[in-house]
Amino acid sequence: MMSDDSRDEERRTKLVKAGVAVGVGSAAIVAALLYASKVKKPKGGRPKADGTD
């Protein structure tokens, strides 16, 4: 049988892992939103005259 201390430690470990996963997911969402707000597609105006095709 598992003692109360080992159960508490196992529960704490699972909660820490879940917290880390939530933090990483949140950071990924924020990064994606920041990237999407910086990358703006041209709205069908004149093509850029920089010489690249």
PDB file of N, CA and C in Angstrom:
ATOM      1  N   MET A   1       0.833  -1.192   0.000  1.00  0.00           N
ATOM      2  CA  MET A   1       0.000   0.000   0.000  1.00  0.00           C
ATOM      3  C   MET A   1       0.876   1.253   0.000  1.00  0.00           C
ATOM      4  N   MET A   2       0.329   2.290  -0.574  1.00  0.00           N
ATOM      5  CA  MET A   2       1.065   3.541  -0.631  1.00  0.00           C
ATOM      6  C   MET A   2       0.759   4.358   0.609  1.00  0.00           C
ATOM      7  N   SER A   3       1.780   5.021   1.107  1.00  0.00           N
ATOM      8  CA  SER A   3       1.555   5.874   2.265  1.00  0.00           C
ATOM      9  C   SER A   3       0.949   7.196   1.814  1.00  0.00           C
ATOM     10  N   ASP A   4       0.436   7.944   2.778  1.00  0.00           N
ATOM     11  CA  ASP A   4      -0.150   9.249   2.464  1.00  0.00           C
ATOM     12  C   ASP A   4       0.886  10.186   1.866  1.00  0.00           C
ATOM     13  N   ASP A   5       2.116  10.113   2.357  1.00  0.00           N
ATOM     14  CA  ASP A   5       3.167  10.999   1.847  1.00  0.00           C
ATOM     15  C   ASP A   5       3.465  10.723   0.379  1.00  0.00           C
ATOM     16  N   SER A   6       3.542   9.457   0.004  1.00  0.00           N
ATOM     17  CA  SER A   6       3.861   9.151  -1.389  1.00  0.00           C
ATOM     18  C   SER A   6       2.691   9.510  -2.304  1.00  0.00           C
ATOM     19  N   ARG A   7       1.464   9.367  -1.826  1.00  0.00           N
ATOM     20  CA  ARG A   7       0.297   9.775  -2.616  1.00  0.00           C
ATOM     21  C   ARG A   7       0.275  11.286  -2.803  1.00  0.00           C
ATOM     22  N   ASP A   8       0.591  12.007  -1.745  1.00  0.00           N
ATOM     23  CA  ASP A   8       0.641  13.468  -1.832  1.00  0.00           C
ATOM     24  C   ASP A   8       1.731  13.916  -2.797  1.00  0.00           C
ATOM     25  N   GLU A   9       2.865  13.258  -2.741  1.00  0.00           N
ATOM     26  CA  GLU A   9       3.974  13.600  -3.626  1.00  0.00           C
ATOM     27  C   GLU A   9       3.609  13.300  -5.085  1.00  0.00           C
ATOM     28  N   GLU A  10       2.940  12.181  -5.327  1.00  0.00           N
ATOM     29  CA  GLU A  10       2.518  11.818  -6.684  1.00  0.00           C
ATOM     30  C   GLU A  10       1.487  12.814  -7.203  1.00  0.00           C
ATOM     31  N   ARG A  11       0.570  13.211  -6.351  1.00  0.00           N
ATOM     32  CA  ARG A  11      -0.447  14.192  -6.738  1.00  0.00           C
ATOM     33  C   ARG A  11       0.201  15.534  -7.056  1.00  0.00           C
ATOM     34  N   ARG A  12       1.152  15.928  -6.213  1.00  0.00           N
ATOM     35  CA  ARG A  12       1.855  17.191  -6.428  1.00  0.00           C
ATOM     36  C   ARG A  12       2.608  17.157  -7.761  1.00  0.00           C
ATOM     37  N   THR A  13       3.259  16.052  -8.070  1.00  0.00           N
ATOM     38  CA  THR A  13       4.000  15.915  -9.322  1.00  0.00           C
ATOM     39  C   THR A  13       3.057  16.044 -10.516  1.00  0.00           C
ATOM     40  N   LYS A  14       1.898  15.398 -10.440  1.00  0.00           N
ATOM     41  CA  LYS A  14       0.929  15.492 -11.534  1.00  0.00           C
ATOM     42  C   LYS A  14       0.427  16.919 -11.706  1.00  0.00           C
ATOM     43  N   LEU A  15       0.186  17.619 -10.611  1.00  0.00           N
ATOM     44  CA  LEU A  15      -0.291  18.995 -10.694  1.00  0.00           C
ATOM     45  C   LEU A  15       0.771  19.919 -11.283  1.00  0.00           C
ATOM     46  N   VAL A  16       2.031  19.688 -10.914  1.00  0.00           N
ATOM     47  CA  VAL A  16       3.108  20.500 -11.472  1.00  0.00           C
ATOM     48  C   VAL A  16       3.212  20.272 -12.973  1.00  0.00           C
ATOM     49  N   LYS A  17       3.132  19.007 -13.397  1.00  0.00           N
ATOM     50  CA  LYS A  17       3.191  18.699 -14.832  1.00  0.00           C
ATOM     51  C   LYS A  17       2.029  19.342 -15.574  1.00  0.00           C
ATOM     52  N   ALA A  18       0.846  19.302 -14.989  1.00  0.00           N
ATOM     53  CA  ALA A  18      -0.318  19.922 -15.623  1.00  0.00           C
ATOM     54  C   ALA A  18      -0.140  21.436 -15.709  1.00  0.00           C
ATOM     55  N   GLY A  19       0.393  22.031 -14.676  1.00  0.00           N
ATOM     56  CA  GLY A  19       0.638  23.476 -14.679  1.00  0.00           C
ATOM     57  C   GLY A  19       1.643  23.880 -15.737  1.00  0.00           C
ATOM     58  N   VAL A  20       2.695  23.094 -15.879  1.00  0.00           N
ATOM     59  CA  VAL A  20       3.697  23.373 -16.910  1.00  0.00           C
ATOM     60  C   VAL A  20       3.071  23.253 -18.294  1.00  0.00           C
ATOM     61  N   ALA A  21       2.256  22.229 -18.502  1.00  0.00           N
ATOM     62  CA  ALA A  21       1.604  22.035 -19.804  1.00  0.00           C
ATOM     63  C   ALA A  21       0.694  23.212 -20.142  1.00  0.00           C
ATOM     64  N   VAL A  22      -0.053  23.690 -19.167  1.00  0.00           N
ATOM     65  CA  VAL A  22      -0.936  24.841 -19.389  1.00  0.00           C
ATOM     66  C   VAL A  22      -0.109  26.079 -19.712  1.00  0.00           C
ATOM     67  N   GLY A  23       0.987  26.268 -19.006  1.00  0.00           N
ATOM     68  CA  GLY A  23       1.847  27.426 -19.259  1.00  0.00           C
ATOM     69  C   GLY A  23       2.446  27.403 -20.652  1.00  0.00           C
ATOM     70  N   VAL A  24       2.929  26.243 -21.085  1.00  0.00           N
ATOM     71  CA  VAL A  24       3.518  26.120 -22.416  1.00  0.00           C
ATOM     72  C   VAL A  24       2.460  26.352 -23.487  1.00  0.00           C
ATOM     73  N   GLY A  25       1.276  25.787 -23.285  1.00  0.00           N
ATOM     74  CA  GLY A  25       0.193  25.989 -24.246  1.00  0.00           C
ATOM     75  C   GLY A  25      -0.213  27.444 -24.348  1.00  0.00           C
ATOM     76  N   SER A  26      -0.283  28.118 -23.221  1.00  0.00           N
ATOM     77  CA  SER A  26      -0.636  29.534 -23.221  1.00  0.00           C
ATOM     78  C   SER A  26       0.418  30.354 -23.947  1.00  0.00           C
ATOM     79  N   ALA A  27       1.673  30.045 -23.704  1.00  0.00           N
ATOM     80  CA  ALA A  27       2.758  30.769 -24.371  1.00  0.00           C
ATOM     81  C   ALA A  27       2.706  30.552 -25.883  1.00  0.00           C
ATOM     82  N   ALA A  28       2.369  29.342 -26.304  1.00  0.00           N
ATOM     83  CA  ALA A  28       2.275  29.053 -27.735  1.00  0.00           C
ATOM     84  C   ALA A  28       1.135  29.843 -28.372  1.00  0.00           C
ATOM     85  N   ILE A  29       0.021  29.946 -27.680  1.00  0.00           N
ATOM     86  CA  ILE A  29      -1.116  30.703 -28.196  1.00  0.00           C
ATOM     87  C   ILE A  29      -0.761  32.187 -28.312  1.00  0.00           C
ATOM     88  N   VAL A  30      -0.120  32.723 -27.292  1.00  0.00           N
ATOM     89  CA  VAL A  30       0.279  34.134 -27.324  1.00  0.00           C
ATOM     90  C   VAL A  30       1.246  34.384 -28.468  1.00  0.00           C
ATOM     91  N   ALA A  31       2.218  33.488 -28.637  1.00  0.00           N
ATOM     92  CA  ALA A  31       3.189  33.650 -29.722  1.00  0.00           C
ATOM     93  C   ALA A  31       2.502  33.604 -31.082  1.00  0.00           C
ATOM     94  N   ALA A  32       1.558  32.709 -31.249  1.00  0.00           N
ATOM     95  CA  ALA A  32       0.837  32.609 -32.521  1.00  0.00           C
ATOM     96  C   ALA A  32       0.020  33.872 -32.788  1.00  0.00           C
ATOM     97  N   LEU A  33      -0.610  34.408 -31.778  1.00  0.00           N
ATOM     98  CA  LEU A  33      -1.392  35.632 -31.947  1.00  0.00           C
ATOM     99  C   LEU A  33      -0.503  36.825 -32.275  1.00  0.00           C
ATOM    100  N   LEU A  34       0.641  36.919 -31.615  1.00  0.00           N
ATOM    101  CA  LEU A  34       1.566  38.004 -31.912  1.00  0.00           C
ATOM    102  C   LEU A  34       2.086  37.890 -33.335  1.00  0.00           C
ATOM    103  N   TYR A  35       2.418  36.688 -33.755  1.00  0.00           N
ATOM    104  CA  TYR A  35       2.911  36.478 -35.113  1.00  0.00           C
ATOM    105  C   TYR A  35       1.829  36.830 -36.129  1.00  0.00           C
ATOM    106  N   ALA A  36       0.608  36.397 -35.877  1.00  0.00           N
ATOM    107  CA  ALA A  36      -0.486  36.664 -36.805  1.00  0.00           C
ATOM    108  C   ALA A  36      -0.780  38.156 -36.899  1.00  0.00           C
ATOM    109  N   SER A  37      -0.597  38.882 -35.821  1.00  0.00           N
ATOM    110  CA  SER A  37      -0.885  40.317 -35.865  1.00  0.00           C
ATOM    111  C   SER A  37       0.216  41.082 -36.591  1.00  0.00           C
ATOM    112  N   LYS A  38       1.422  40.539 -36.643  1.00  0.00           N
ATOM    113  CA  LYS A  38       2.522  41.209 -37.344  1.00  0.00           C
ATOM    114  C   LYS A  38       2.512  40.909 -38.829  1.00  0.00           C
ATOM    115  N   VAL A  39       2.113  39.717 -39.219  1.00  0.00           N
ATOM    116  CA  VAL A  39       2.128  39.324 -40.626  1.00  0.00           C
ATOM    117  C   VAL A  39       0.803  39.730 -41.245  1.00  0.00           C
ATOM    118  N   LYS A  40       0.839  40.765 -42.047  1.00  0.00           N
ATOM    119  CA  LYS A  40      -0.390  41.242 -42.683  1.00  0.00           C
ATOM    120  C   LYS A  40      -0.286  41.005 -44.176  1.00  0.00           C
ATOM    121  N   LYS A  41      -1.309  40.415 -44.739  1.00  0.00           N
ATOM    122  CA  LYS A  41      -1.327  40.149 -46.167  1.00  0.00           C
ATOM    123  C   LYS A  41      -1.774  41.403 -46.905  1.00  0.00           C
ATOM    124  N   PRO A  42      -1.183  41.660 -48.071  1.00  0.00           N
ATOM    125  CA  PRO A  42      -1.647  42.808 -48.864  1.00  0.00           C
ATOM    126  C   PRO A  42      -3.080  42.582 -49.331  1.00  0.00           C
ATOM    127  N   LYS A  43      -3.826  43.663 -49.429  1.00  0.00           N
ATOM    128  CA  LYS A  43      -5.249  43.552 -49.764  1.00  0.00           C
ATOM    129  C   LYS A  43      -5.505  43.728 -51.256  1.00  0.00           C
ATOM    130  N   GLY A  44      -4.718  43.062 -52.092  1.00  0.00           N
ATOM    131  CA  GLY A  44      -4.978  43.083 -53.520  1.00  0.00           C
ATOM    132  C   GLY A  44      -4.657  44.386 -54.209  1.00  0.00           C
ATOM    133  N   GLY A  45      -3.845  45.225 -53.588  1.00  0.00           N
ATOM    134  CA  GLY A  45      -3.455  46.490 -54.215  1.00  0.00           C
ATOM    135  C   GLY A  45      -2.396  46.236 -55.269  1.00  0.00           C
ATOM    136  N   ARG A  46      -1.680  47.284 -55.590  1.00  0.00           N
ATOM    137  CA  ARG A  46      -0.613  47.142 -56.575  1.00  0.00           C
ATOM    138  C   ARG A  46       0.474  46.237 -56.040  1.00  0.00           C
ATOM    139  N   PRO A  47       1.077  45.415 -56.898  1.00  0.00           N
ATOM    140  CA  PRO A  47       2.189  44.573 -56.431  1.00  0.00           C
ATOM    141  C   PRO A  47       3.386  45.445 -56.077  1.00  0.00           C
ATOM    142  N   LYS A  48       4.183  44.971 -55.166  1.00  0.00           N
ATOM    143  CA  LYS A  48       5.359  45.711 -54.747  1.00  0.00           C
ATOM    144  C   LYS A  48       6.365  45.765 -55.883  1.00  0.00           C
ATOM    145  N   ALA A  49       7.036  46.881 -56.029  1.00  0.00           N
ATOM    146  CA  ALA A  49       8.007  47.060 -57.110  1.00  0.00           C
ATOM    147  C   ALA A  49       9.420  46.832 -56.595  1.00  0.00           C
ATOM    148  N   ASP A  50       9.641  45.699 -55.920  1.00  0.00           N
ATOM    149  CA  ASP A  50      10.981  45.426 -55.408  1.00  0.00           C
ATOM    150  C   ASP A  50      11.777  44.507 -56.333  1.00  0.00           C
ATOM    151  N   GLY A  51      11.207  44.104 -57.452  1.00  0.00           N
ATOM    152  CA  GLY A  51      11.931  43.313 -58.429  1.00  0.00           C
ATOM    153  C   GLY A  51      11.930  41.814 -58.188  1.00  0.00           C
ATOM    154  N   THR A  52      11.277  41.346 -57.136  1.00  0.00           N
ATOM    155  CA  THR A  52      11.211  39.908 -56.878  1.00  0.00           C
ATOM    156  C   THR A  52       9.849  39.372 -57.291  1.00  0.00           C
ATOM    157  N   ASP A  53       9.865  38.161 -57.810  1.00  0.00           N
ATOM    158  CA  ASP A  53       8.600  37.535 -58.223  1.00  0.00           C
ATOM    159  C   ASP A  53       8.383  36.235 -57.526  1.00  0.00           C
TER     160      ASP A  53
END
